[in-house]
Amino acid sequence: MIWTSARDARAWLDAANGTGDTELTCRILKIGEEAGEVAAAWIGVLGQNPRKGVTHTREEVAAELADVAFTALVAIESLGLDAHAALAACVAKVHARLGEAAPAAPAGMNRSGNGDV
């Protein structure tokens, strides 16, 4: 559903706004805009603005983070690439790094703490 929705959002944006480099630039910049909303929500959780106090919840921060993630998937699709494949490659890269950096598990245990698989 996520991957279909990202493709559908791309198609909707393509139909409404076109597909040129300016539009692609705007879609990529939209990720930064969404990230700013995450920052504002987190400031609201911490109550860092004395004039406003606590204005947001962690759930609202999570929703803003999800907006960032989805916006990034749409931008990847807008590049003409497969967002699912791009994210899977990113996860594989991180997983490989974690495998290299993780401490050795005790004998007879895997990294998750379970017995050998």
PDB file of N, CA and C in Angstrom:
ATOM      1  N   MET A   1       0.825  -1.188   0.000  1.00  0.00           N
ATOM      2  CA  MET A   1       0.000   0.000   0.000  1.00  0.00           C
ATOM      3  C   MET A   1       0.874   1.260   0.000  1.00  0.00           C
ATOM      4  N   ILE A   2       1.946   1.273   0.775  1.00  0.00           N
ATOM      5  CA  ILE A   2       2.824   2.442   0.831  1.00  0.00           C
ATOM      6  C   ILE A   2       3.384   2.733  -0.552  1.00  0.00           C
ATOM      7  N   TRP A   3       3.879   1.690  -1.210  1.00  0.00           N
ATOM      8  CA  TRP A   3       4.557   1.876  -2.492  1.00  0.00           C
ATOM      9  C   TRP A   3       3.572   2.324  -3.564  1.00  0.00           C
ATOM     10  N   THR A   4       2.388   1.747  -3.567  1.00  0.00           N
ATOM     11  CA  THR A   4       1.347   2.150  -4.507  1.00  0.00           C
ATOM     12  C   THR A   4       0.927   3.586  -4.234  1.00  0.00           C
ATOM     13  N   SER A   5       0.793   3.933  -2.971  1.00  0.00           N
ATOM     14  CA  SER A   5       0.399   5.300  -2.611  1.00  0.00           C
ATOM     15  C   SER A   5       1.450   6.316  -3.037  1.00  0.00           C
ATOM     16  N   ALA A   6       2.731   5.977  -2.898  1.00  0.00           N
ATOM     17  CA  ALA A   6       3.798   6.888  -3.334  1.00  0.00           C
ATOM     18  C   ALA A   6       3.731   7.079  -4.849  1.00  0.00           C
ATOM     19  N   ARG A   7       3.508   5.982  -5.583  1.00  0.00           N
ATOM     20  CA  ARG A   7       3.384   6.095  -7.045  1.00  0.00           C
ATOM     21  C   ARG A   7       2.139   6.893  -7.426  1.00  0.00           C
ATOM     22  N   ASP A   8       1.029   6.653  -6.711  1.00  0.00           N
ATOM     23  CA  ASP A   8      -0.205   7.392  -6.991  1.00  0.00           C
ATOM     24  C   ASP A   8      -0.028   8.884  -6.713  1.00  0.00           C
ATOM     25  N   ALA A   9       0.658   9.215  -5.622  1.00  0.00           N
ATOM     26  CA  ALA A   9       0.904  10.625  -5.302  1.00  0.00           C
ATOM     27  C   ALA A   9       1.773  11.270  -6.377  1.00  0.00           C
ATOM     28  N   ARG A  10       2.772  10.521  -6.839  1.00  0.00           N
ATOM     29  CA  ARG A  10       3.611  11.044  -7.923  1.00  0.00           C
ATOM     30  C   ARG A  10       2.769  11.312  -9.165  1.00  0.00           C
ATOM     31  N   ALA A  11       1.914  10.366  -9.544  1.00  0.00           N
ATOM     32  CA  ALA A  11       1.079  10.536 -10.734  1.00  0.00           C
ATOM     33  C   ALA A  11       0.142  11.730 -10.580  1.00  0.00           C
ATOM     34  N   TRP A  12      -0.414  11.906  -9.407  1.00  0.00           N
ATOM     35  CA  TRP A  12      -1.312  13.033  -9.138  1.00  0.00           C
ATOM     36  C   TRP A  12      -0.562  14.355  -9.271  1.00  0.00           C
ATOM     37  N   LEU A  13       0.635  14.416  -8.677  1.00  0.00           N
ATOM     38  CA  LEU A  13       1.456  15.622  -8.786  1.00  0.00           C
ATOM     39  C   LEU A  13       1.886  15.868 -10.227  1.00  0.00           C
ATOM     40  N   ASP A  14       2.251  14.804 -10.943  1.00  0.00           N
ATOM     41  CA  ASP A  14       2.635  14.933 -12.350  1.00  0.00           C
ATOM     42  C   ASP A  14       1.496  15.569 -13.152  1.00  0.00           C
ATOM     43  N   ALA A  15       0.285  15.075 -12.934  1.00  0.00           N
ATOM     44  CA  ALA A  15      -0.869  15.579 -13.673  1.00  0.00           C
ATOM     45  C   ALA A  15      -1.177  17.030 -13.305  1.00  0.00           C
ATOM     46  N   ALA A  16      -1.013  17.366 -12.047  1.00  0.00           N
ATOM     47  CA  ALA A  16      -1.354  18.716 -11.586  1.00  0.00           C
ATOM     48  C   ALA A  16      -0.267  19.740 -11.890  1.00  0.00           C
ATOM     49  N   ASN A  17       0.996  19.329 -11.769  1.00  0.00           N
ATOM     50  CA  ASN A  17       2.095  20.302 -11.809  1.00  0.00           C
ATOM     51  C   ASN A  17       3.127  20.062 -12.894  1.00  0.00           C
ATOM     52  N   GLY A  18       3.019  18.962 -13.613  1.00  0.00           N
ATOM     53  CA  GLY A  18       4.009  18.654 -14.629  1.00  0.00           C
ATOM     54  C   GLY A  18       5.172  17.858 -14.060  1.00  0.00           C
ATOM     55  N   THR A  19       6.192  17.669 -14.906  1.00  0.00           N
ATOM     56  CA  THR A  19       7.290  16.780 -14.519  1.00  0.00           C
ATOM     57  C   THR A  19       8.669  17.363 -14.790  1.00  0.00           C
ATOM     58  N   GLY A  20       8.751  18.643 -15.027  1.00  0.00           N
ATOM     59  CA  GLY A  20      10.043  19.248 -15.342  1.00  0.00           C
ATOM     60  C   GLY A  20      10.970  19.329 -14.136  1.00  0.00           C
ATOM     61  N   ASP A  21      12.170  19.804 -14.408  1.00  0.00           N
ATOM     62  CA  ASP A  21      13.170  19.918 -13.345  1.00  0.00           C
ATOM     63  C   ASP A  21      12.742  20.862 -12.221  1.00  0.00           C
ATOM     64  N   THR A  22      12.009  21.920 -12.563  1.00  0.00           N
ATOM     65  CA  THR A  22      11.535  22.837 -11.517  1.00  0.00           C
ATOM     66  C   THR A  22      10.580  22.118 -10.583  1.00  0.00           C
ATOM     67  N   GLU A  23       9.679  21.337 -11.149  1.00  0.00           N
ATOM     68  CA  GLU A  23       8.741  20.575 -10.313  1.00  0.00           C
ATOM     69  C   GLU A  23       9.484  19.551  -9.465  1.00  0.00           C
ATOM     70  N   LEU A  24      10.439  18.854 -10.057  1.00  0.00           N
ATOM     71  CA  LEU A  24      11.226  17.883  -9.304  1.00  0.00           C
ATOM     72  C   LEU A  24      11.981  18.572  -8.171  1.00  0.00           C
ATOM     73  N   THR A  25      12.535  19.736  -8.449  1.00  0.00           N
ATOM     74  CA  THR A  25      13.228  20.502  -7.410  1.00  0.00           C
ATOM     75  C   THR A  25      12.284  20.820  -6.260  1.00  0.00           C
ATOM     76  N   CYS A  26      11.076  21.236  -6.588  1.00  0.00           N
ATOM     77  CA  CYS A  26      10.096  21.550  -5.542  1.00  0.00           C
ATOM     78  C   CYS A  26       9.753  20.320  -4.708  1.00  0.00           C
ATOM     79  N   ARG A  27       9.652  19.165  -5.340  1.00  0.00           N
ATOM     80  CA  ARG A  27       9.336  17.938  -4.600  1.00  0.00           C
ATOM     81  C   ARG A  27      10.472  17.559  -3.660  1.00  0.00           C
ATOM     82  N   ILE A  28      11.690  17.768  -4.113  1.00  0.00           N
ATOM     83  CA  ILE A  28      12.844  17.472  -3.253  1.00  0.00           C
ATOM     84  C   ILE A  28      12.915  18.484  -2.110  1.00  0.00           C
ATOM     85  N   LEU A  29      12.694  19.752  -2.403  1.00  0.00           N
ATOM     86  CA  LEU A  29      12.713  20.779  -1.362  1.00  0.00           C
ATOM     87  C   LEU A  29      11.585  20.587  -0.350  1.00  0.00           C
ATOM     88  N   LYS A  30      10.495  19.992  -0.790  1.00  0.00           N
ATOM     89  CA  LYS A  30       9.360  19.719   0.106  1.00  0.00           C
ATOM     90  C   LYS A  30       9.799  18.842   1.282  1.00  0.00           C
ATOM     91  N   ILE A  31      10.779  17.991   1.068  1.00  0.00           N
ATOM     92  CA  ILE A  31      11.297  17.152   2.159  1.00  0.00           C
ATOM     93  C   ILE A  31      11.855  18.037   3.270  1.00  0.00           C
ATOM     94  N   GLY A  32      12.594  19.080   2.886  1.00  0.00           N
ATOM     95  CA  GLY A  32      13.129  20.017   3.877  1.00  0.00           C
ATOM     96  C   GLY A  32      12.036  20.769   4.611  1.00  0.00           C
ATOM     97  N   GLU A  33      11.003  21.143   3.882  1.00  0.00           N
ATOM     98  CA  GLU A  33       9.874  21.820   4.517  1.00  0.00           C
ATOM     99  C   GLU A  33       9.226  20.911   5.567  1.00  0.00           C
ATOM    100  N   GLU A  34       9.015  19.661   5.184  1.00  0.00           N
ATOM    101  CA  GLU A  34       8.422  18.706   6.128  1.00  0.00           C
ATOM    102  C   GLU A  34       9.333  18.481   7.333  1.00  0.00           C
ATOM    103  N   ALA A  35      10.653  18.441   7.100  1.00  0.00           N
ATOM    104  CA  ALA A  35      11.596  18.276   8.214  1.00  0.00           C
ATOM    105  C   ALA A  35      11.517  19.462   9.167  1.00  0.00           C
ATOM    106  N   GLY A  36      11.296  20.647   8.634  1.00  0.00           N
ATOM    107  CA  GLY A  36      11.110  21.821   9.487  1.00  0.00           C
ATOM    108  C   GLY A  36       9.891  21.681  10.379  1.00  0.00           C
ATOM    109  N   GLU A  37       8.850  21.050   9.861  1.00  0.00           N
ATOM    110  CA  GLU A  37       7.654  20.808  10.672  1.00  0.00           C
ATOM    111  C   GLU A  37       7.943  19.822  11.796  1.00  0.00           C
ATOM    112  N   VAL A  38       8.824  18.858  11.541  1.00  0.00           N
ATOM    113  CA  VAL A  38       9.254  17.942  12.606  1.00  0.00           C
ATOM    114  C   VAL A  38       9.961  18.731  13.700  1.00  0.00           C
ATOM    115  N   ALA A  39      10.884  19.598  13.290  1.00  0.00           N
ATOM    116  CA  ALA A  39      11.640  20.400  14.258  1.00  0.00           C
ATOM    117  C   ALA A  39      10.696  21.265  15.085  1.00  0.00           C
ATOM    118  N   ALA A  40       9.738  21.902  14.438  1.00  0.00           N
ATOM    119  CA  ALA A  40       8.790  22.746  15.164  1.00  0.00           C
ATOM    120  C   ALA A  40       7.963  21.928  16.150  1.00  0.00           C
ATOM    121  N   ALA A  41       7.547  20.748  15.730  1.00  0.00           N
ATOM    122  CA  ALA A  41       6.762  19.893  16.634  1.00  0.00           C
ATOM    123  C   ALA A  41       7.597  19.449  17.827  1.00  0.00           C
ATOM    124  N   TRP A  42       8.870  19.113  17.595  1.00  0.00           N
ATOM    125  CA  TRP A  42       9.723  18.673  18.700  1.00  0.00           C
ATOM    126  C   TRP A  42       9.966  19.826  19.673  1.00  0.00           C
ATOM    127  N   ILE A  43      10.166  21.027  19.142  1.00  0.00           N
ATOM    128  CA  ILE A  43      10.295  22.201  20.010  1.00  0.00           C
ATOM    129  C   ILE A  43       9.024  22.351  20.839  1.00  0.00           C
ATOM    130  N   GLY A  44       7.882  22.062  20.218  1.00  0.00           N
ATOM    131  CA  GLY A  44       6.611  22.117  20.937  1.00  0.00           C
ATOM    132  C   GLY A  44       6.490  21.058  22.013  1.00  0.00           C
ATOM    133  N   VAL A  45       7.050  19.889  21.782  1.00  0.00           N
ATOM    134  CA  VAL A  45       7.052  18.834  22.808  1.00  0.00           C
ATOM    135  C   VAL A  45       7.888  19.275  24.003  1.00  0.00           C
ATOM    136  N   LEU A  46       9.026  19.883  23.717  1.00  0.00           N
ATOM    137  CA  LEU A  46       9.940  20.309  24.779  1.00  0.00           C
ATOM    138  C   LEU A  46       9.491  21.590  25.469  1.00  0.00           C
ATOM    139  N   GLY A  47       8.552  22.295  24.880  1.00  0.00           N
ATOM    140  CA  GLY A  47       8.107  23.562  25.448  1.00  0.00           C
ATOM    141  C   GLY A  47       9.192  24.621  25.395  1.00  0.00           C
ATOM    142  N   GLN A  48      10.035  24.569  24.374  1.00  0.00           N
ATOM    143  CA  GLN A  48      11.186  25.465  24.285  1.00  0.00           C
ATOM    144  C   GLN A  48      10.814  26.910  23.979  1.00  0.00           C
ATOM    145  N   ASN A  49       9.619  27.146  23.488  1.00  0.00           N
ATOM    146  CA  ASN A  49       9.178  28.515  23.252  1.00  0.00           C
ATOM    147  C   ASN A  49       8.377  28.947  24.477  1.00  0.00           C
ATOM    148  N   PRO A  50       8.976  29.795  25.354  1.00  0.00           N
ATOM    149  CA  PRO A  50       8.291  30.172  26.599  1.00  0.00           C
ATOM    150  C   PRO A  50       6.949  30.869  26.357  1.00  0.00           C
ATOM    151  N   ARG A  51       6.822  31.524  25.226  1.00  0.00           N
ATOM    152  CA  ARG A  51       5.564  32.204  24.928  1.00  0.00           C
ATOM    153  C   ARG A  51       4.450  31.206  24.643  1.00  0.00           C
ATOM    154  N   LYS A  52       4.800  30.056  24.057  1.00  0.00           N
ATOM    155  CA  LYS A  52       3.788  29.073  23.666  1.00  0.00           C
ATOM    156  C   LYS A  52       3.675  27.911  24.639  1.00  0.00           C
ATOM    157  N   GLY A  53       4.773  27.539  25.299  1.00  0.00           N
ATOM    158  CA  GLY A  53       4.752  26.377  26.176  1.00  0.00           C
ATOM    159  C   GLY A  53       4.715  25.079  25.385  1.00  0.00           C
ATOM    160  N   VAL A  54       4.236  24.027  26.023  1.00  0.00           N
ATOM    161  CA  VAL A  54       4.141  22.713  25.368  1.00  0.00           C
ATOM    162  C   VAL A  54       2.943  22.744  24.421  1.00  0.00           C
ATOM    163  N   THR A  55       3.222  22.475  23.149  1.00  0.00           N
ATOM    164  CA  THR A  55       2.176  22.596  22.136  1.00  0.00           C
ATOM    165  C   THR A  55       1.956  21.319  21.323  1.00  0.00           C
ATOM    166  N   HIS A  56       2.856  20.343  21.458  1.00  0.00           N
ATOM    167  CA  HIS A  56       2.773  19.135  20.640  1.00  0.00           C
ATOM    168  C   HIS A  56       3.013  17.893  21.497  1.00  0.00           C
ATOM    169  N   THR A  57       2.660  16.754  20.920  1.00  0.00           N
ATOM    170  CA  THR A  57       2.887  15.459  21.561  1.00  0.00           C
ATOM    171  C   THR A  57       3.911  14.672  20.750  1.00  0.00           C
ATOM    172  N   ARG A  58       4.435  13.623  21.345  1.00  0.00           N
ATOM    173  CA  ARG A  58       5.347  12.740  20.617  1.00  0.00           C
ATOM    174  C   ARG A  58       4.639  12.094  19.426  1.00  0.00           C
ATOM    175  N   GLU A  59       3.368  11.821  19.578  1.00  0.00           N
ATOM    176  CA  GLU A  59       2.600  11.240  18.469  1.00  0.00           C
ATOM    177  C   GLU A  59       2.534  12.218  17.293  1.00  0.00           C
ATOM    178  N   GLU A  60       2.420  13.502  17.593  1.00  0.00           N
ATOM    179  CA  GLU A  60       2.420  14.500  16.522  1.00  0.00           C
ATOM    180  C   GLU A  60       3.789  14.584  15.852  1.00  0.00           C
ATOM    181  N   VAL A  61       4.843  14.446  16.648  1.00  0.00           N
ATOM    182  CA  VAL A  61       6.190  14.414  16.066  1.00  0.00           C
ATOM    183  C   VAL A  61       6.318  13.202  15.142  1.00  0.00           C
ATOM    184  N   ALA A  62       5.832  12.053  15.606  1.00  0.00           N
ATOM    185  CA  ALA A  62       5.893  10.841  14.783  1.00  0.00           C
ATOM    186  C   ALA A  62       5.116  11.035  13.484  1.00  0.00           C
ATOM    187  N   ALA A  63       3.963  11.681  13.538  1.00  0.00           N
ATOM    188  CA  ALA A  63       3.177  11.930  12.330  1.00  0.00           C
ATOM    189  C   ALA A  63       3.945  12.840  11.372  1.00  0.00           C
ATOM    190  N   GLU A  64       4.640  13.834  11.904  1.00  0.00           N
ATOM    191  CA  GLU A  64       5.442  14.720  11.052  1.00  0.00           C
ATOM    192  C   GLU A  64       6.618  13.953  10.444  1.00  0.00           C
ATOM    193  N   LEU A  65       7.239  13.065  11.218  1.00  0.00           N
ATOM    194  CA  LEU A  65       8.325  12.235  10.680  1.00  0.00           C
ATOM    195  C   LEU A  65       7.810  11.337   9.560  1.00  0.00           C
ATOM    196  N   ALA A  66       6.606  10.812   9.729  1.00  0.00           N
ATOM    197  CA  ALA A  66       6.011   9.991   8.672  1.00  0.00           C
ATOM    198  C   ALA A  66       5.781  10.822   7.412  1.00  0.00           C
ATOM    199  N   ASP A  67       5.390  12.093   7.585  1.00  0.00           N
ATOM    200  CA  ASP A  67       5.240  12.983   6.425  1.00  0.00           C
ATOM    201  C   ASP A  67       6.571  13.123   5.685  1.00  0.00           C
ATOM    202  N   VAL A  68       7.663  13.263   6.438  1.00  0.00           N
ATOM    203  CA  VAL A  68       8.989  13.367   5.818  1.00  0.00           C
ATOM    204  C   VAL A  68       9.289  12.102   5.018  1.00  0.00           C
ATOM    205  N   ALA A  69       9.061  10.955   5.643  1.00  0.00           N
ATOM    206  CA  ALA A  69       9.369   9.689   4.976  1.00  0.00           C
ATOM    207  C   ALA A  69       8.546   9.520   3.703  1.00  0.00           C
ATOM    208  N   PHE A  70       7.263   9.800   3.773  1.00  0.00           N
ATOM    209  CA  PHE A  70       6.411   9.624   2.598  1.00  0.00           C
ATOM    210  C   PHE A  70       6.776  10.618   1.503  1.00  0.00           C
ATOM    211  N   THR A  71       7.059  11.851   1.895  1.00  0.00           N
ATOM    212  CA  THR A  71       7.456  12.868   0.924  1.00  0.00           C
ATOM    213  C   THR A  71       8.739  12.449   0.210  1.00  0.00           C
ATOM    214  N   ALA A  72       9.665  11.838   0.947  1.00  0.00           N
ATOM    215  CA  ALA A  72      10.902  11.351   0.341  1.00  0.00           C
ATOM    216  C   ALA A  72      10.613  10.218  -0.651  1.00  0.00           C
ATOM    217  N   LEU A  73       9.692   9.331  -0.305  1.00  0.00           N
ATOM    218  CA  LEU A  73       9.339   8.242  -1.222  1.00  0.00           C
ATOM    219  C   LEU A  73       8.743   8.791  -2.517  1.00  0.00           C
ATOM    220  N   VAL A  74       7.894   9.798  -2.403  1.00  0.00           N
ATOM    221  CA  VAL A  74       7.309  10.420  -3.596  1.00  0.00           C
ATOM    222  C   VAL A  74       8.407  11.079  -4.431  1.00  0.00           C
ATOM    223  N   ALA A  75       9.362  11.727  -3.780  1.00  0.00           N
ATOM    224  CA  ALA A  75      10.466  12.357  -4.514  1.00  0.00           C
ATOM    225  C   ALA A  75      11.291  11.309  -5.252  1.00  0.00           C
ATOM    226  N   ILE A  76      11.540  10.173  -4.616  1.00  0.00           N
ATOM    227  CA  ILE A  76      12.286   9.096  -5.280  1.00  0.00           C
ATOM    228  C   ILE A  76      11.531   8.623  -6.517  1.00  0.00           C
ATOM    229  N   GLU A  77      10.232   8.401  -6.370  1.00  0.00           N
ATOM    230  CA  GLU A  77       9.413   7.996  -7.522  1.00  0.00           C
ATOM    231  C   GLU A  77       9.446   9.078  -8.597  1.00  0.00           C
ATOM    232  N   SER A  78       9.473  10.343  -8.192  1.00  0.00           N
ATOM    233  CA  SER A  78       9.498  11.453  -9.147  1.00  0.00           C
ATOM    234  C   SER A  78      10.808  11.516  -9.926  1.00  0.00           C
ATOM    235  N   LEU A  79      11.855  10.925  -9.377  1.00  0.00           N
ATOM    236  CA  LEU A  79      13.125  10.817 -10.097  1.00  0.00           C
ATOM    237  C   LEU A  79      13.072   9.736 -11.174  1.00  0.00           C
ATOM    238  N   GLY A  80      11.933   9.020 -11.207  1.00  0.00           N
ATOM    239  CA  GLY A  80      11.791   7.929 -12.167  1.00  0.00           C
ATOM    240  C   GLY A  80      12.367   6.631 -11.635  1.00  0.00           C
ATOM    241  N   LEU A  81      12.562   6.562 -10.322  1.00  0.00           N
ATOM    242  CA  LEU A  81      13.141   5.374  -9.695  1.00  0.00           C
ATOM    243  C   LEU A  81      12.100   4.682  -8.829  1.00  0.00           C
ATOM    244  N   ASP A  82      12.390   3.472  -8.433  1.00  0.00           N
ATOM    245  CA  ASP A  82      11.504   2.669  -7.602  1.00  0.00           C
ATOM    246  C   ASP A  82      11.822   2.945  -6.133  1.00  0.00           C
ATOM    247  N   ALA A  83      10.894   3.593  -5.429  1.00  0.00           N
ATOM    248  CA  ALA A  83      11.117   3.950  -4.025  1.00  0.00           C
ATOM    249  C   ALA A  83      11.336   2.713  -3.156  1.00  0.00           C
ATOM    250  N   HIS A  84      10.620   1.639  -3.444  1.00  0.00           N
ATOM    251  CA  HIS A  84      10.775   0.411  -2.663  1.00  0.00           C
ATOM    252  C   HIS A  84      12.195  -0.122  -2.804  1.00  0.00           C
ATOM    253  N   ALA A  85      12.699  -0.170  -4.021  1.00  0.00           N
ATOM    254  CA  ALA A  85      14.058  -0.663  -4.258  1.00  0.00           C
ATOM    255  C   ALA A  85      15.094   0.257  -3.616  1.00  0.00           C
ATOM    256  N   ALA A  86      14.881   1.573  -3.715  1.00  0.00           N
ATOM    257  CA  ALA A  86      15.826   2.525  -3.125  1.00  0.00           C
ATOM    258  C   ALA A  86      15.876   2.378  -1.611  1.00  0.00           C
ATOM    259  N   LEU A  87      14.713   2.225  -0.986  1.00  0.00           N
ATOM    260  CA  LEU A  87      14.687   2.074   0.467  1.00  0.00           C
ATOM    261  C   LEU A  87      15.275   0.726   0.888  1.00  0.00           C
ATOM    262  N   ALA A  88      14.982  -0.327   0.135  1.00  0.00           N
ATOM    263  CA  ALA A  88      15.551  -1.647   0.440  1.00  0.00           C
ATOM    264  C   ALA A  88      17.071  -1.615   0.349  1.00  0.00           C
ATOM    265  N   ALA A  89      17.610  -0.904  -0.643  1.00  0.00           N
ATOM    266  CA  ALA A  89      19.069  -0.786  -0.760  1.00  0.00           C
ATOM    267  C   ALA A  89      19.650  -0.019   0.416  1.00  0.00           C
ATOM    268  N   CYS A  90      18.959   1.016   0.855  1.00  0.00           N
ATOM    269  CA  CYS A  90      19.405   1.791   2.018  1.00  0.00           C
ATOM    270  C   CYS A  90      19.409   0.919   3.273  1.00  0.00           C
ATOM    271  N   VAL A  91      18.343   0.156   3.457  1.00  0.00           N
ATOM    272  CA  VAL A  91      18.249  -0.728   4.625  1.00  0.00           C
ATOM    273  C   VAL A  91      19.360  -1.773   4.593  1.00  0.00           C
ATOM    274  N   ALA A  92      19.634  -2.323   3.430  1.00  0.00           N
ATOM    275  CA  ALA A  92      20.705  -3.323   3.310  1.00  0.00           C
ATOM    276  C   ALA A  92      22.053  -2.711   3.664  1.00  0.00           C
ATOM    277  N   LYS A  93      22.296  -1.481   3.219  1.00  0.00           N
ATOM    278  CA  LYS A  93      23.553  -0.789   3.517  1.00  0.00           C
ATOM    279  C   LYS A  93      23.688  -0.570   5.030  1.00  0.00           C
ATOM    280  N   VAL A  94      22.620  -0.106   5.669  1.00  0.00           N
ATOM    281  CA  VAL A  94      22.644   0.123   7.120  1.00  0.00           C
ATOM    282  C   VAL A  94      22.817  -1.201   7.855  1.00  0.00           C
ATOM    283  N   HIS A  95      22.111  -2.217   7.402  1.00  0.00           N
ATOM    284  CA  HIS A  95      22.209  -3.530   8.043  1.00  0.00           C
ATOM    285  C   HIS A  95      23.642  -4.048   7.974  1.00  0.00           C
ATOM    286  N   ALA A  96      24.293  -3.870   6.830  1.00  0.00           N
ATOM    287  CA  ALA A  96      25.688  -4.305   6.684  1.00  0.00           C
ATOM    288  C   ALA A  96      26.589  -3.547   7.645  1.00  0.00           C
ATOM    289  N   ARG A  97      26.361  -2.244   7.779  1.00  0.00           N
ATOM    290  CA  ARG A  97      27.158  -1.447   8.724  1.00  0.00           C
ATOM    291  C   ARG A  97      26.941  -1.910  10.149  1.00  0.00           C
ATOM    292  N   LEU A  98      25.693  -2.171  10.491  1.00  0.00           N
ATOM    293  CA  LEU A  98      25.390  -2.628  11.846  1.00  0.00           C
ATOM    294  C   LEU A  98      26.037  -3.971  12.111  1.00  0.00           C
ATOM    295  N   GLY A  99      26.039  -4.830  11.110  1.00  0.00           N
ATOM    296  CA  GLY A  99      26.674  -6.131  11.259  1.00  0.00           C
ATOM    297  C   GLY A  99      28.158  -6.007  11.515  1.00  0.00           C
ATOM    298  N   GLU A 100      28.798  -5.033  10.873  1.00  0.00           N
ATOM    299  CA  GLU A 100      30.229  -4.814  11.065  1.00  0.00           C
ATOM    300  C   GLU A 100      30.520  -4.190  12.415  1.00  0.00           C
ATOM    301  N   ALA A 101      29.617  -3.338  12.901  1.00  0.00           N
ATOM    302  CA  ALA A 101      29.873  -2.578  14.122  1.00  0.00           C
ATOM    303  C   ALA A 101      29.350  -3.262  15.378  1.00  0.00           C
ATOM    304  N   ALA A 102      28.454  -4.224  15.216  1.00  0.00           N
ATOM    305  CA  ALA A 102      27.828  -4.842  16.387  1.00  0.00           C
ATOM    306  C   ALA A 102      28.828  -5.720  17.130  1.00  0.00           C
ATOM    307  N   PRO A 103      28.771  -5.693  18.457  1.00  0.00           N
ATOM    308  CA  PRO A 103      29.662  -6.573  19.222  1.00  0.00           C
ATOM    309  C   PRO A 103      29.292  -8.031  18.999  1.00  0.00           C
ATOM    310  N   ALA A 104      30.246  -8.873  19.133  1.00  0.00           N
ATOM    311  CA  ALA A 104      30.002 -10.303  18.957  1.00  0.00           C
ATOM    312  C   ALA A 104      29.028 -10.794  20.020  1.00  0.00           C
ATOM    313  N   ALA A 105      28.111 -11.658  19.604  1.00  0.00           N
ATOM    314  CA  ALA A 105      27.166 -12.248  20.546  1.00  0.00           C
ATOM    315  C   ALA A 105      27.866 -13.361  21.309  1.00  0.00           C
ATOM    316  N   PRO A 106      27.422 -13.606  22.551  1.00  0.00           N
ATOM    317  CA  PRO A 106      27.996 -14.729  23.303  1.00  0.00           C
ATOM    318  C   PRO A 106      27.804 -16.037  22.540  1.00  0.00           C
ATOM    319  N   ALA A 107      28.689 -16.983  22.766  1.00  0.00           N
ATOM    320  CA  ALA A 107      28.607 -18.281  22.092  1.00  0.00           C
ATOM    321  C   ALA A 107      27.213 -18.863  22.263  1.00  0.00           C
ATOM    322  N   GLY A 108      26.664 -19.381  21.159  1.00  0.00           N
ATOM    323  CA  GLY A 108      25.344 -20.010  21.209  1.00  0.00           C
ATOM    324  C   GLY A 108      24.191 -19.039  21.110  1.00  0.00           C
ATOM    325  N   MET A 109      24.489 -17.737  20.973  1.00  0.00           N
ATOM    326  CA  MET A 109      23.433 -16.733  20.890  1.00  0.00           C
ATOM    327  C   MET A 109      23.612 -15.929  19.604  1.00  0.00           C
ATOM    328  N   ASN A 110      22.500 -15.521  18.983  1.00  0.00           N
ATOM    329  CA  ASN A 110      22.604 -14.613  17.864  1.00  0.00           C
ATOM    330  C   ASN A 110      22.499 -13.176  18.385  1.00  0.00           C
ATOM    331  N   ARG A 111      22.613 -12.196  17.530  1.00  0.00           N
ATOM    332  CA  ARG A 111      22.629 -10.803  17.984  1.00  0.00           C
ATOM    333  C   ARG A 111      21.335 -10.370  18.638  1.00  0.00           C
ATOM    334  N   SER A 112      20.229 -11.029  18.338  1.00  0.00           N
ATOM    335  CA  SER A 112      18.964 -10.655  18.960  1.00  0.00           C
ATOM    336  C   SER A 112      18.802 -11.256  20.346  1.00  0.00           C
ATOM    337  N   GLY A 113      19.781 -12.065  20.762  1.00  0.00           N
ATOM    338  CA  GLY A 113      19.715 -12.667  22.095  1.00  0.00           C
ATOM    339  C   GLY A 113      19.028 -14.013  22.103  1.00  0.00           C
ATOM    340  N   ASN A 114      18.627 -14.491  20.948  1.00  0.00           N
ATOM    341  CA  ASN A 114      17.994 -15.801  20.866  1.00  0.00           C
ATOM    342  C   ASN A 114      19.034 -16.856  20.570  1.00  0.00           C
ATOM    343  N   GLY A 115      18.652 -18.084  20.738  1.00  0.00           N
ATOM    344  CA  GLY A 115      19.556 -19.181  20.432  1.00  0.00           C
ATOM    345  C   GLY A 115      19.907 -19.212  18.958  1.00  0.00           C
ATOM    346  N   ASP A 116      20.915 -19.980  18.597  1.00  0.00           N
ATOM    347  CA  ASP A 116      21.342 -20.069  17.195  1.00  0.00           C
ATOM    348  C   ASP A 116      20.155 -20.412  16.302  1.00  0.00           C
ATOM    349  N   VAL A 117      20.153 -19.825  15.138  1.00  0.00           N
ATOM    350  CA  VAL A 117      19.074 -20.055  14.177  1.00  0.00           C
ATOM    351  C   VAL A 117      19.616 -20.863  13.026  1.00  0.00           C
TER     352      VAL A 117
END
